[in-house]
Every structure is written in C-alpha cells, then in structure tokens.
PDB file of all heavy atoms in Angstrom:
ATOM      1  N   THR A   1      17.280 -25.860  42.611  1.00  0.00           N
ATOM      2  CA  THR A   1      15.968 -25.690  42.004  1.00  0.00           C
ATOM      3  C   THR A   1      15.722 -24.185  41.556  1.00  0.00           C
ATOM      4  O   THR A   1      14.625 -23.789  41.205  1.00  0.00           O
ATOM      5  CB  THR A   1      14.794 -26.033  43.115  1.00  0.00           C
ATOM      6  OG1 THR A   1      15.074 -25.330  44.293  1.00  0.00           O
ATOM      7  CG2 THR A   1      14.860 -27.491  43.284  1.00  0.00           C
ATOM      8  N   ARG A   2      16.717 -23.364  41.738  1.00  0.00           N
ATOM      9  CA  ARG A   2      16.611 -21.919  41.316  1.00  0.00           C
ATOM     10  C   ARG A   2      17.438 -21.572  40.098  1.00  0.00           C
ATOM     11  O   ARG A   2      18.588 -22.177  40.007  1.00  0.00           O
ATOM     12  CB  ARG A   2      17.069 -21.049  42.453  1.00  0.00           C
ATOM     13  CG  ARG A   2      16.092 -21.211  43.790  1.00  0.00           C
ATOM     14  CD  ARG A   2      14.796 -20.875  43.427  1.00  0.00           C
ATOM     15  NE  ARG A   2      13.859 -21.090  44.564  1.00  0.00           N
ATOM     16  CZ  ARG A   2      13.428 -20.036  45.358  1.00  0.00           C
ATOM     17  NH1 ARG A   2      13.810 -18.918  45.159  1.00  0.00           N
ATOM     18  NH2 ARG A   2      12.667 -20.397  46.461  1.00  0.00           N
ATOM     19  N   THR A   3      17.002 -20.629  39.380  1.00  0.00           N
ATOM     20  CA  THR A   3      17.869 -20.159  38.291  1.00  0.00           C
ATOM     21  C   THR A   3      18.720 -18.983  38.749  1.00  0.00           C
ATOM     22  O   THR A   3      18.319 -18.063  39.435  1.00  0.00           O
ATOM     23  CB  THR A   3      16.923 -19.518  37.086  1.00  0.00           C
ATOM     24  OG1 THR A   3      16.189 -20.555  36.613  1.00  0.00           O
ATOM     25  CG2 THR A   3      17.695 -18.930  36.046  1.00  0.00           C
ATOM     26  N   TYR A   4      20.025 -19.111  38.408  1.00  0.00           N
ATOM     27  CA  TYR A   4      20.824 -18.079  38.824  1.00  0.00           C
ATOM     28  C   TYR A   4      21.061 -16.895  37.951  1.00  0.00           C
ATOM     29  O   TYR A   4      20.799 -17.100  36.723  1.00  0.00           O
ATOM     30  CB  TYR A   4      22.417 -18.693  38.967  1.00  0.00           C
ATOM     31  CG  TYR A   4      22.630 -19.674  40.156  1.00  0.00           C
ATOM     32  CD1 TYR A   4      22.045 -20.983  40.069  1.00  0.00           C
ATOM     33  CD2 TYR A   4      23.357 -19.397  41.169  1.00  0.00           C
ATOM     34  CE1 TYR A   4      22.266 -21.942  41.126  1.00  0.00           C
ATOM     35  CE2 TYR A   4      23.705 -20.335  42.190  1.00  0.00           C
ATOM     36  CZ  TYR A   4      23.044 -21.542  42.168  1.00  0.00           C
ATOM     37  OH  TYR A   4      23.168 -22.417  43.083  1.00  0.00           O
ATOM     38  N   ILE A   5      21.526 -15.765  38.425  1.00  0.00           N
ATOM     39  CA  ILE A   5      22.003 -14.695  37.493  1.00  0.00           C
ATOM     40  C   ILE A   5      23.427 -14.608  37.671  1.00  0.00           C
ATOM     41  O   ILE A   5      24.004 -14.394  38.831  1.00  0.00           O
ATOM     42  CB  ILE A   5      21.248 -13.429  37.880  1.00  0.00           C
ATOM     43  CG1 ILE A   5      19.711 -13.465  37.825  1.00  0.00           C
ATOM     44  CG2 ILE A   5      21.821 -12.320  37.000  1.00  0.00           C
ATOM     45  CD1 ILE A   5      19.061 -12.208  38.236  1.00  0.00           C
ATOM     46  N   SER A   6      24.257 -14.907  36.647  1.00  0.00           N
ATOM     47  CA  SER A   6      25.684 -15.121  36.730  1.00  0.00           C
ATOM     48  C   SER A   6      26.513 -13.897  36.411  1.00  0.00           C
ATOM     49  O   SER A   6      26.202 -13.192  35.497  1.00  0.00           O
ATOM     50  CB  SER A   6      26.211 -16.302  35.933  1.00  0.00           C
ATOM     51  OG  SER A   6      25.617 -17.490  36.243  1.00  0.00           O
ATOM     52  N   TRP A   7      27.549 -13.600  37.227  1.00  0.00           N
ATOM     53  CA  TRP A   7      28.439 -12.487  37.072  1.00  0.00           C
ATOM     54  C   TRP A   7      29.665 -12.937  36.125  1.00  0.00           C
ATOM     55  O   TRP A   7      30.136 -13.986  36.402  1.00  0.00           O
ATOM     56  CB  TRP A   7      28.931 -11.896  38.377  1.00  0.00           C
ATOM     57  CG  TRP A   7      30.064 -11.048  38.244  1.00  0.00           C
ATOM     58  CD1 TRP A   7      31.452 -11.222  38.436  1.00  0.00           C
ATOM     59  CD2 TRP A   7      29.923  -9.676  37.911  1.00  0.00           C
ATOM     60  NE1 TRP A   7      32.103 -10.030  38.259  1.00  0.00           N
ATOM     61  CE2 TRP A   7      31.255  -9.049  37.913  1.00  0.00           C
ATOM     62  CE3 TRP A   7      28.881  -8.784  37.581  1.00  0.00           C
ATOM     63  CZ2 TRP A   7      31.574  -7.789  37.581  1.00  0.00           C
ATOM     64  CZ3 TRP A   7      29.142  -7.451  37.218  1.00  0.00           C
ATOM     65  CH2 TRP A   7      30.364  -6.937  37.357  1.00  0.00           C
ATOM     66  N   HIS A   8      29.949 -12.224  35.212  1.00  0.00           N
ATOM     67  CA  HIS A   8      31.208 -12.524  34.252  1.00  0.00           C
ATOM     68  C   HIS A   8      32.040 -11.277  34.211  1.00  0.00           C
ATOM     69  O   HIS A   8      31.657 -10.170  34.501  1.00  0.00           O
ATOM     70  CB  HIS A   8      30.588 -12.940  32.980  1.00  0.00           C
ATOM     71  CG  HIS A   8      29.798 -14.145  32.889  1.00  0.00           C
ATOM     72  ND1 HIS A   8      30.166 -15.348  33.126  1.00  0.00           N
ATOM     73  CD2 HIS A   8      28.378 -14.320  32.777  1.00  0.00           C
ATOM     74  CE1 HIS A   8      29.181 -16.322  33.138  1.00  0.00           C
ATOM     75  NE2 HIS A   8      28.122 -15.636  32.915  1.00  0.00           N
ATOM     76  N   ASP A   9      33.279 -11.575  33.710  1.00  0.00           N
ATOM     77  CA  ASP A   9      34.275 -10.526  33.623  1.00  0.00           C
ATOM     78  C   ASP A   9      34.173  -9.693  32.391  1.00  0.00           C
ATOM     79  O   ASP A   9      34.704  -8.480  32.373  1.00  0.00           O
ATOM     80  CB  ASP A   9      35.653 -11.207  33.817  1.00  0.00           C
ATOM     81  CG  ASP A   9      35.998 -11.689  35.198  1.00  0.00           C
ATOM     82  OD1 ASP A   9      35.320 -11.197  36.178  1.00  0.00           O
ATOM     83  OD2 ASP A   9      36.695 -12.557  35.336  1.00  0.00           O
ATOM     84  N   THR A  10      33.483 -10.233  31.374  1.00  0.00           N
ATOM     85  CA  THR A  10      33.506  -9.352  30.129  1.00  0.00           C
ATOM     86  C   THR A  10      32.509  -8.365  30.103  1.00  0.00           C
ATOM     87  O   THR A  10      31.393  -8.402  30.874  1.00  0.00           O
ATOM     88  CB  THR A  10      33.145 -10.427  28.973  1.00  0.00           C
ATOM     89  OG1 THR A  10      31.887 -10.939  29.098  1.00  0.00           O
ATOM     90  CG2 THR A  10      34.184 -11.509  28.822  1.00  0.00           C
ATOM     91  N   ALA A  11      32.685  -7.299  29.402  1.00  0.00           N
ATOM     92  CA  ALA A  11      31.840  -6.122  29.462  1.00  0.00           C
ATOM     93  C   ALA A  11      30.374  -6.477  28.818  1.00  0.00           C
ATOM     94  O   ALA A  11      29.376  -6.005  29.346  1.00  0.00           O
ATOM     95  CB  ALA A  11      32.359  -5.007  28.599  1.00  0.00           C
ATOM     96  N   ASP A  12      30.353  -7.240  27.709  1.00  0.00           N
ATOM     97  CA  ASP A  12      29.067  -7.579  27.206  1.00  0.00           C
ATOM     98  C   ASP A  12      28.275  -8.394  28.250  1.00  0.00           C
ATOM     99  O   ASP A  12      26.997  -8.204  28.323  1.00  0.00           O
ATOM    100  CB  ASP A  12      29.213  -8.323  25.885  1.00  0.00           C
ATOM    101  CG  ASP A  12      29.752  -7.362  24.725  1.00  0.00           C
ATOM    102  OD1 ASP A  12      29.450  -6.246  24.829  1.00  0.00           O
ATOM    103  OD2 ASP A  12      30.246  -7.867  23.734  1.00  0.00           O
ATOM    104  N   ALA A  13      28.839  -9.347  28.805  1.00  0.00           N
ATOM    105  CA  ALA A  13      28.160 -10.254  29.771  1.00  0.00           C
ATOM    106  C   ALA A  13      27.662  -9.486  30.975  1.00  0.00           C
ATOM    107  O   ALA A  13      26.620  -9.691  31.567  1.00  0.00           O
ATOM    108  CB  ALA A  13      28.966 -11.300  30.143  1.00  0.00           C
ATOM    109  N   GLN A  14      28.491  -8.418  31.443  1.00  0.00           N
ATOM    110  CA  GLN A  14      28.056  -7.674  32.534  1.00  0.00           C
ATOM    111  C   GLN A  14      26.846  -6.846  32.168  1.00  0.00           C
ATOM    112  O   GLN A  14      26.015  -6.546  32.997  1.00  0.00           O
ATOM    113  CB  GLN A  14      29.282  -6.848  32.863  1.00  0.00           C
ATOM    114  CG  GLN A  14      30.350  -7.509  33.683  1.00  0.00           C
ATOM    115  CD  GLN A  14      31.507  -6.772  34.074  1.00  0.00           C
ATOM    116  OE1 GLN A  14      31.422  -5.485  34.026  1.00  0.00           O
ATOM    117  NE2 GLN A  14      32.629  -7.250  34.487  1.00  0.00           N
ATOM    118  N   LYS A  15      26.837  -6.326  30.929  1.00  0.00           N
ATOM    119  CA  LYS A  15      25.668  -5.614  30.554  1.00  0.00           C
ATOM    120  C   LYS A  15      24.279  -6.422  30.692  1.00  0.00           C
ATOM    121  O   LYS A  15      23.294  -5.858  31.236  1.00  0.00           O
ATOM    122  CB  LYS A  15      25.858  -5.057  29.084  1.00  0.00           C
ATOM    123  CG  LYS A  15      24.680  -4.293  28.612  1.00  0.00           C
ATOM    124  CD  LYS A  15      24.917  -3.782  27.205  1.00  0.00           C
ATOM    125  CE  LYS A  15      23.686  -2.921  26.695  1.00  0.00           C
ATOM    126  NZ  LYS A  15      23.935  -2.505  25.255  1.00  0.00           N
ATOM    127  N   VAL A  16      24.412  -7.622  30.299  1.00  0.00           N
ATOM    128  CA  VAL A  16      23.303  -8.557  30.458  1.00  0.00           C
ATOM    129  C   VAL A  16      22.950  -8.901  31.972  1.00  0.00           C
ATOM    130  O   VAL A  16      21.850  -8.845  32.379  1.00  0.00           O
ATOM    131  CB  VAL A  16      23.527  -9.875  29.613  1.00  0.00           C
ATOM    132  CG1 VAL A  16      22.343 -10.864  29.882  1.00  0.00           C
ATOM    133  CG2 VAL A  16      23.604  -9.533  28.075  1.00  0.00           C
ATOM    134  N   PHE A  17      24.036  -9.023  32.736  1.00  0.00           N
ATOM    135  CA  PHE A  17      23.906  -9.230  34.098  1.00  0.00           C
ATOM    136  C   PHE A  17      23.066  -8.121  34.699  1.00  0.00           C
ATOM    137  O   PHE A  17      22.087  -8.441  35.488  1.00  0.00           O
ATOM    138  CB  PHE A  17      25.257  -9.437  34.782  1.00  0.00           C
ATOM    139  CG  PHE A  17      25.256  -9.370  36.261  1.00  0.00           C
ATOM    140  CD1 PHE A  17      24.987 -10.628  37.017  1.00  0.00           C
ATOM    141  CD2 PHE A  17      25.426  -8.215  37.111  1.00  0.00           C
ATOM    142  CE1 PHE A  17      24.946 -10.658  38.293  1.00  0.00           C
ATOM    143  CE2 PHE A  17      25.329  -8.202  38.419  1.00  0.00           C
ATOM    144  CZ  PHE A  17      25.130  -9.461  39.127  1.00  0.00           C
ATOM    145  N   TRP A  18      23.409  -6.950  34.655  1.00  0.00           N
ATOM    146  CA  TRP A  18      22.770  -5.882  35.246  1.00  0.00           C
ATOM    147  C   TRP A  18      21.248  -5.798  34.791  1.00  0.00           C
ATOM    148  O   TRP A  18      20.462  -5.464  35.518  1.00  0.00           O
ATOM    149  CB  TRP A  18      23.534  -4.510  34.920  1.00  0.00           C
ATOM    150  CG  TRP A  18      24.781  -4.367  35.703  1.00  0.00           C
ATOM    151  CD1 TRP A  18      26.049  -4.266  35.107  1.00  0.00           C
ATOM    152  CD2 TRP A  18      25.075  -4.559  37.051  1.00  0.00           C
ATOM    153  NE1 TRP A  18      27.006  -4.314  35.951  1.00  0.00           N
ATOM    154  CE2 TRP A  18      26.466  -4.386  37.251  1.00  0.00           C
ATOM    155  CE3 TRP A  18      24.273  -4.713  38.165  1.00  0.00           C
ATOM    156  CZ2 TRP A  18      27.087  -4.446  38.421  1.00  0.00           C
ATOM    157  CZ3 TRP A  18      24.893  -4.673  39.355  1.00  0.00           C
ATOM    158  CH2 TRP A  18      26.164  -4.562  39.650  1.00  0.00           C
ATOM    159  N   LYS A  19      21.133  -6.041  33.500  1.00  0.00           N
ATOM    160  CA  LYS A  19      19.853  -6.007  32.982  1.00  0.00           C
ATOM    161  C   LYS A  19      18.825  -7.071  33.596  1.00  0.00           C
ATOM    162  O   LYS A  19      17.731  -6.748  34.120  1.00  0.00           O
ATOM    163  CB  LYS A  19      19.710  -6.224  31.344  1.00  0.00           C
ATOM    164  CG  LYS A  19      18.361  -6.104  30.850  1.00  0.00           C
ATOM    165  CD  LYS A  19      18.352  -6.483  29.334  1.00  0.00           C
ATOM    166  CE  LYS A  19      19.287  -5.389  28.622  1.00  0.00           C
ATOM    167  NZ  LYS A  19      19.292  -5.528  27.097  1.00  0.00           N
ATOM    168  N   ARG A  20      19.414  -8.193  33.830  1.00  0.00           N
ATOM    169  CA  ARG A  20      18.786  -9.211  34.430  1.00  0.00           C
ATOM    170  C   ARG A  20      18.376  -9.106  35.910  1.00  0.00           C
ATOM    171  O   ARG A  20      17.453  -9.355  36.447  1.00  0.00           O
ATOM    172  CB  ARG A  20      19.444 -10.627  34.227  1.00  0.00           C
ATOM    173  CG  ARG A  20      19.694 -11.088  32.910  1.00  0.00           C
ATOM    174  CD  ARG A  20      20.231 -12.456  32.877  1.00  0.00           C
ATOM    175  NE  ARG A  20      19.215 -13.544  33.464  1.00  0.00           N
ATOM    176  CZ  ARG A  20      19.729 -14.721  33.751  1.00  0.00           C
ATOM    177  NH1 ARG A  20      20.905 -15.090  33.526  1.00  0.00           N
ATOM    178  NH2 ARG A  20      18.776 -15.593  34.090  1.00  0.00           N
ATOM    179  N   VAL A  21      19.420  -8.493  36.634  1.00  0.00           N
ATOM    180  CA  VAL A  21      19.204  -8.186  38.044  1.00  0.00           C
ATOM    181  C   VAL A  21      18.103  -7.029  38.232  1.00  0.00           C
ATOM    182  O   VAL A  21      17.218  -7.256  39.040  1.00  0.00           O
ATOM    183  CB  VAL A  21      20.566  -7.661  38.614  1.00  0.00           C
ATOM    184  CG1 VAL A  21      20.213  -7.099  40.095  1.00  0.00           C
ATOM    185  CG2 VAL A  21      21.575  -8.748  38.786  1.00  0.00           C
ATOM    186  N   VAL A  22      18.009  -6.085  37.373  1.00  0.00           N
ATOM    187  CA  VAL A  22      17.113  -5.059  37.467  1.00  0.00           C
ATOM    188  C   VAL A  22      15.770  -5.565  37.168  1.00  0.00           C
ATOM    189  O   VAL A  22      14.752  -5.295  37.888  1.00  0.00           O
ATOM    190  CB  VAL A  22      17.468  -3.868  36.426  1.00  0.00           C
ATOM    191  CG1 VAL A  22      16.201  -2.940  36.350  1.00  0.00           C
ATOM    192  CG2 VAL A  22      18.681  -3.143  36.942  1.00  0.00           C
ATOM    193  N   LYS A  23      15.655  -6.424  36.151  1.00  0.00           N
ATOM    194  CA  LYS A  23      14.289  -7.087  35.885  1.00  0.00           C
ATOM    195  C   LYS A  23      13.847  -7.915  37.047  1.00  0.00           C
ATOM    196  O   LYS A  23      12.607  -7.994  37.378  1.00  0.00           O
ATOM    197  CB  LYS A  23      14.255  -7.812  34.611  1.00  0.00           C
ATOM    198  CG  LYS A  23      14.537  -6.941  33.268  1.00  0.00           C
ATOM    199  CD  LYS A  23      14.365  -7.841  32.076  1.00  0.00           C
ATOM    200  CE  LYS A  23      14.345  -6.797  30.819  1.00  0.00           C
ATOM    201  NZ  LYS A  23      14.298  -7.528  29.509  1.00  0.00           N
ATOM    202  N   ALA A  24      14.805  -8.599  37.627  1.00  0.00           N
ATOM    203  CA  ALA A  24      14.436  -9.575  38.731  1.00  0.00           C
ATOM    204  C   ALA A  24      13.920  -8.741  40.036  1.00  0.00           C
ATOM    205  O   ALA A  24      12.896  -9.152  40.735  1.00  0.00           O
ATOM    206  CB  ALA A  24      15.481 -10.401  39.248  1.00  0.00           C
ATOM    207  N   LEU A  25      14.452  -7.436  40.078  1.00  0.00           N
ATOM    208  CA  LEU A  25      14.126  -6.645  41.250  1.00  0.00           C
ATOM    209  C   LEU A  25      12.858  -5.959  41.026  1.00  0.00           C
ATOM    210  O   LEU A  25      12.123  -5.467  41.918  1.00  0.00           O
ATOM    211  CB  LEU A  25      15.189  -5.681  41.645  1.00  0.00           C
ATOM    212  CG  LEU A  25      16.473  -6.353  42.232  1.00  0.00           C
ATOM    213  CD1 LEU A  25      17.592  -5.331  42.580  1.00  0.00           C
ATOM    214  CD2 LEU A  25      16.119  -7.038  43.532  1.00  0.00           C
ATOM    215  N   TYR A  26      12.668  -5.509  39.764  1.00  0.00           N
ATOM    216  CA  TYR A  26      11.536  -4.571  39.374  1.00  0.00           C
ATOM    217  C   TYR A  26      10.226  -5.244  39.736  1.00  0.00           C
ATOM    218  O   TYR A  26       9.904  -6.290  39.284  1.00  0.00           O
ATOM    219  CB  TYR A  26      11.532  -4.185  38.019  1.00  0.00           C
ATOM    220  CG  TYR A  26      10.548  -3.223  37.611  1.00  0.00           C
ATOM    221  CD1 TYR A  26      10.490  -1.987  38.302  1.00  0.00           C
ATOM    222  CD2 TYR A  26       9.690  -3.415  36.623  1.00  0.00           C
ATOM    223  CE1 TYR A  26       9.568  -0.990  37.845  1.00  0.00           C
ATOM    224  CE2 TYR A  26       8.712  -2.529  36.287  1.00  0.00           C
ATOM    225  CZ  TYR A  26       8.597  -1.390  36.843  1.00  0.00           C
ATOM    226  OH  TYR A  26       7.674  -0.498  36.479  1.00  0.00           O
ATOM    227  N   ASN A  27       9.338  -4.558  40.402  1.00  0.00           N
ATOM    228  CA  ASN A  27       8.039  -5.098  40.835  1.00  0.00           C
ATOM    229  C   ASN A  27       6.995  -4.200  40.060  1.00  0.00           C
ATOM    230  O   ASN A  27       6.826  -3.013  40.199  1.00  0.00           O
ATOM    231  CB  ASN A  27       7.866  -4.971  42.377  1.00  0.00           C
ATOM    232  CG  ASN A  27       6.568  -5.567  42.817  1.00  0.00           C
ATOM    233  OD1 ASN A  27       5.528  -5.643  42.112  1.00  0.00           O
ATOM    234  ND2 ASN A  27       6.734  -6.262  43.944  1.00  0.00           N
ATOM    235  N   LYS A  28       6.256  -4.935  39.291  1.00  0.00           N
ATOM    236  CA  LYS A  28       5.079  -4.325  38.419  1.00  0.00           C
ATOM    237  C   LYS A  28       4.032  -3.571  39.287  1.00  0.00           C
ATOM    238  O   LYS A  28       3.320  -2.808  38.713  1.00  0.00           O
ATOM    239  CB  LYS A  28       4.524  -5.446  37.431  1.00  0.00           C
ATOM    240  CG  LYS A  28       5.427  -6.043  36.471  1.00  0.00           C
ATOM    241  CD  LYS A  28       5.933  -4.920  35.444  1.00  0.00           C
ATOM    242  CE  LYS A  28       6.864  -5.517  34.467  1.00  0.00           C
ATOM    243  NZ  LYS A  28       7.504  -4.481  33.585  1.00  0.00           N
ATOM    244  N   ARG A  29       3.860  -4.116  40.545  1.00  0.00           N
ATOM    245  CA  ARG A  29       2.835  -3.432  41.440  1.00  0.00           C
ATOM    246  C   ARG A  29       3.193  -2.015  41.617  1.00  0.00           C
ATOM    247  O   ARG A  29       2.534  -1.122  41.235  1.00  0.00           O
ATOM    248  CB  ARG A  29       2.700  -4.204  42.651  1.00  0.00           C
ATOM    249  CG  ARG A  29       2.070  -5.553  42.502  1.00  0.00           C
ATOM    250  CD  ARG A  29       2.030  -6.251  43.827  1.00  0.00           C
ATOM    251  NE  ARG A  29       3.340  -6.348  44.491  1.00  0.00           N
ATOM    252  CZ  ARG A  29       3.601  -6.844  45.686  1.00  0.00           C
ATOM    253  NH1 ARG A  29       2.561  -7.360  46.365  1.00  0.00           N
ATOM    254  NH2 ARG A  29       4.662  -6.905  46.222  1.00  0.00           N
ATOM    255  N   LYS A  30       4.306  -1.791  42.292  1.00  0.00           N
ATOM    256  CA  LYS A  30       4.827  -0.458  42.509  1.00  0.00           C
ATOM    257  C   LYS A  30       6.313  -0.628  43.082  1.00  0.00           C
ATOM    258  O   LYS A  30       6.536  -1.363  43.989  1.00  0.00           O
ATOM    259  CB  LYS A  30       3.943   0.314  43.686  1.00  0.00           C
ATOM    260  CG  LYS A  30       2.546   0.568  43.218  1.00  0.00           C
ATOM    261  CD  LYS A  30       2.289   2.018  43.193  1.00  0.00           C
ATOM    262  CE  LYS A  30       0.825   2.269  42.785  1.00  0.00           C
ATOM    263  NZ  LYS A  30       0.740   3.340  41.817  1.00  0.00           N
ATOM    264  N   PRO A  31       7.127   0.195  42.521  1.00  0.00           N
ATOM    265  CA  PRO A  31       8.553   0.207  43.034  1.00  0.00           C
ATOM    266  C   PRO A  31       8.604   0.864  44.428  1.00  0.00           C
ATOM    267  O   PRO A  31       7.674   1.668  44.768  1.00  0.00           O
ATOM    268  CB  PRO A  31       9.350   0.952  42.048  1.00  0.00           C
ATOM    269  CG  PRO A  31       8.361   1.909  41.509  1.00  0.00           C
ATOM    270  CD  PRO A  31       7.052   1.179  41.342  1.00  0.00           C
ATOM    271  N   THR A  32       9.665   0.532  45.134  1.00  0.00           N
ATOM    272  CA  THR A  32       9.672   1.084  46.632  1.00  0.00           C
ATOM    273  C   THR A  32       9.762   2.493  46.515  1.00  0.00           C
ATOM    274  O   THR A  32       9.239   3.311  47.300  1.00  0.00           O
ATOM    275  CB  THR A  32      10.767   0.397  47.415  1.00  0.00           C
ATOM    276  OG1 THR A  32      10.580  -0.940  47.253  1.00  0.00           O
ATOM    277  CG2 THR A  32      10.805   0.849  48.843  1.00  0.00           C
ATOM    278  N   ARG A  33      10.747   2.923  45.593  1.00  0.00           N
ATOM    279  CA  ARG A  33      10.949   4.416  45.416  1.00  0.00           C
ATOM    280  C   ARG A  33      10.341   4.840  44.068  1.00  0.00           C
ATOM    281  O   ARG A  33      10.682   4.512  43.023  1.00  0.00           O
ATOM    282  CB  ARG A  33      12.437   4.726  45.325  1.00  0.00           C
ATOM    283  CG  ARG A  33      13.183   4.659  46.648  1.00  0.00           C
ATOM    284  CD  ARG A  33      14.619   4.963  46.513  1.00  0.00           C
ATOM    285  NE  ARG A  33      15.404   5.103  47.710  1.00  0.00           N
ATOM    286  CZ  ARG A  33      16.566   5.502  47.894  1.00  0.00           C
ATOM    287  NH1 ARG A  33      17.304   5.771  46.826  1.00  0.00           N
ATOM    288  NH2 ARG A  33      17.170   5.465  49.072  1.00  0.00           N
ATOM    289  N   GLN A  34       9.326   5.781  44.109  1.00  0.00           N
ATOM    290  CA  GLN A  34       8.774   6.331  42.993  1.00  0.00           C
ATOM    291  C   GLN A  34       9.691   6.964  42.012  1.00  0.00           C
ATOM    292  O   GLN A  34       9.490   6.976  40.932  1.00  0.00           O
ATOM    293  CB  GLN A  34       7.568   7.317  43.388  1.00  0.00           C
ATOM    294  CG  GLN A  34       6.511   6.651  44.263  1.00  0.00           C
ATOM    295  CD  GLN A  34       5.691   5.594  43.515  1.00  0.00           C
ATOM    296  OE1 GLN A  34       5.695   5.753  42.276  1.00  0.00           O
ATOM    297  NE2 GLN A  34       5.128   4.741  44.091  1.00  0.00           N
TER     298      GLN A  34
END
C-alpha cells in the first residue's frame, strides 16, 4: 500500500532518487536543522 523510492545504478536515475528522498524528508512546517 506504499509508494517506494527506488535506488538504481545509473547516474541519471540516482539524481532523481536523491531528489525524491529529500522531498520526502523535507517538512514544510520547519526543518529540524535551520
């Protein structure tokens, strides 16, 4: 029932991977570290 963020070996796919992880972690209220 959950959407995965998938790791791949290619450089282009890894760029998207990191972008997706950062967006998933980023909290619009306030980040933990200013």
